Protein backbone atom coordinates (compact mmCIF):
# COMPACT_ATOMS: atom_id res chain seq x y z
CA MET A 1 -129.16 -39.84 -128.52
CA ILE A 2 -131.61 -37.39 -128.36
CA THR A 3 -128.93 -34.67 -127.94
CA ALA A 4 -127.33 -35.36 -131.30
CA LYS A 5 -131.29 -35.12 -132.66
CA ALA A 6 -132.09 -31.75 -131.08
CA ARG A 7 -128.37 -30.65 -132.24
CA ALA A 8 -129.04 -31.97 -136.14
CA ARG A 9 -131.72 -30.09 -135.68
CA GLY A 10 -130.31 -26.67 -134.75
CA GLN A 11 -132.33 -27.10 -130.99
CA SER A 12 -131.59 -27.26 -127.59
CA VAL A 13 -132.93 -30.55 -125.76
CA GLU A 14 -135.86 -29.45 -124.28
CA ALA A 15 -137.34 -27.48 -127.73
CA TYR A 16 -136.58 -30.85 -129.73
CA ILE A 17 -138.63 -32.66 -127.30
CA ARG A 18 -141.66 -29.94 -127.04
CA ASP A 19 -141.52 -30.53 -130.71
CA ARG A 20 -141.33 -33.91 -130.98
CA LEU A 21 -144.62 -33.92 -128.94
CA LEU A 22 -145.85 -31.24 -130.72
CA GLU A 23 -145.48 -33.70 -134.08
CA ASP A 24 -147.19 -36.83 -132.35
CA ALA A 25 -150.63 -35.42 -131.13
CA SER A 26 -150.87 -33.21 -134.47
CA LEU A 27 -150.48 -36.95 -136.57
CA VAL A 28 -153.72 -37.87 -134.00
CA SER A 29 -157.55 -36.33 -134.96
CA ASP A 30 -159.39 -34.52 -132.26
CA THR A 31 -161.95 -36.84 -132.83
CA ALA A 32 -159.66 -39.95 -132.35
CA VAL A 33 -159.05 -42.00 -129.03
CA LEU A 34 -155.75 -43.55 -128.25
CA THR A 35 -155.57 -47.51 -126.86
CA ALA A 36 -153.50 -48.37 -123.87
CA ASP A 37 -150.95 -48.87 -126.07
CA GLN A 38 -150.90 -45.87 -127.58
CA ILE A 39 -149.82 -44.02 -124.24
CA ASP A 40 -147.28 -45.97 -123.29
CA GLN A 41 -146.13 -46.34 -126.07
CA THR A 42 -145.96 -42.12 -126.22
CA PHE A 43 -143.91 -42.80 -122.39
CA GLU A 44 -142.21 -44.58 -123.53
CA ASP A 45 -140.63 -43.05 -126.28
CA VAL A 46 -140.86 -39.51 -124.05
CA ALA A 47 -138.29 -41.87 -121.91
CA ASP A 48 -136.50 -43.12 -123.99
CA MET A 49 -135.59 -39.19 -124.60
CA LEU A 50 -134.31 -38.92 -121.41
CA PRO A 51 -130.12 -39.27 -120.88
CA ALA A 52 -128.50 -42.05 -119.17
CA GLY A 53 -127.71 -42.29 -115.70
CA VAL A 54 -130.88 -39.62 -114.76
CA PRO A 55 -131.93 -40.49 -111.30
CA ALA A 56 -136.03 -41.38 -110.67
CA LEU A 57 -136.72 -39.30 -108.30
CA SER A 58 -137.23 -40.89 -104.98
CA ASP A 59 -140.56 -42.18 -102.63
CA LYS A 60 -140.00 -39.08 -100.45
CA ALA A 61 -139.43 -36.73 -103.73
CA ILE A 62 -142.80 -37.31 -104.87
CA SER A 63 -145.31 -37.84 -101.33
CA ARG A 64 -148.58 -36.09 -100.93
CA GLU A 65 -145.95 -34.29 -98.09
CA SER A 66 -143.12 -33.37 -100.32
CA ILE A 67 -145.92 -31.62 -102.95
CA TYR A 68 -148.06 -30.23 -100.29
CA THR A 69 -146.60 -28.59 -97.59
CA ARG A 70 -147.89 -26.33 -94.73
CA GLU A 71 -148.12 -22.40 -95.41
CA ASP A 72 -146.19 -22.19 -92.04
CA ASP A 73 -143.65 -24.37 -93.78
CA TRP A 74 -142.62 -21.39 -96.50
CA ARG A 75 -141.88 -19.03 -93.86
């Protein structure tokens, strides 16, 4: 679905998603505050852009220990 839309525009999937997000953001004025429902819908729209079958990140992959490692671990 997303790949076909990107291809129809002659764009990569990444460029298409970026442009869609920018287009959606431009619809909201600088003074507008998004409601919780609008934020939820935006996340749902972005999630719908992901190809089917993309595995979720594990809890370990997004744990604090995994993200913030000690400098000693880098050597």
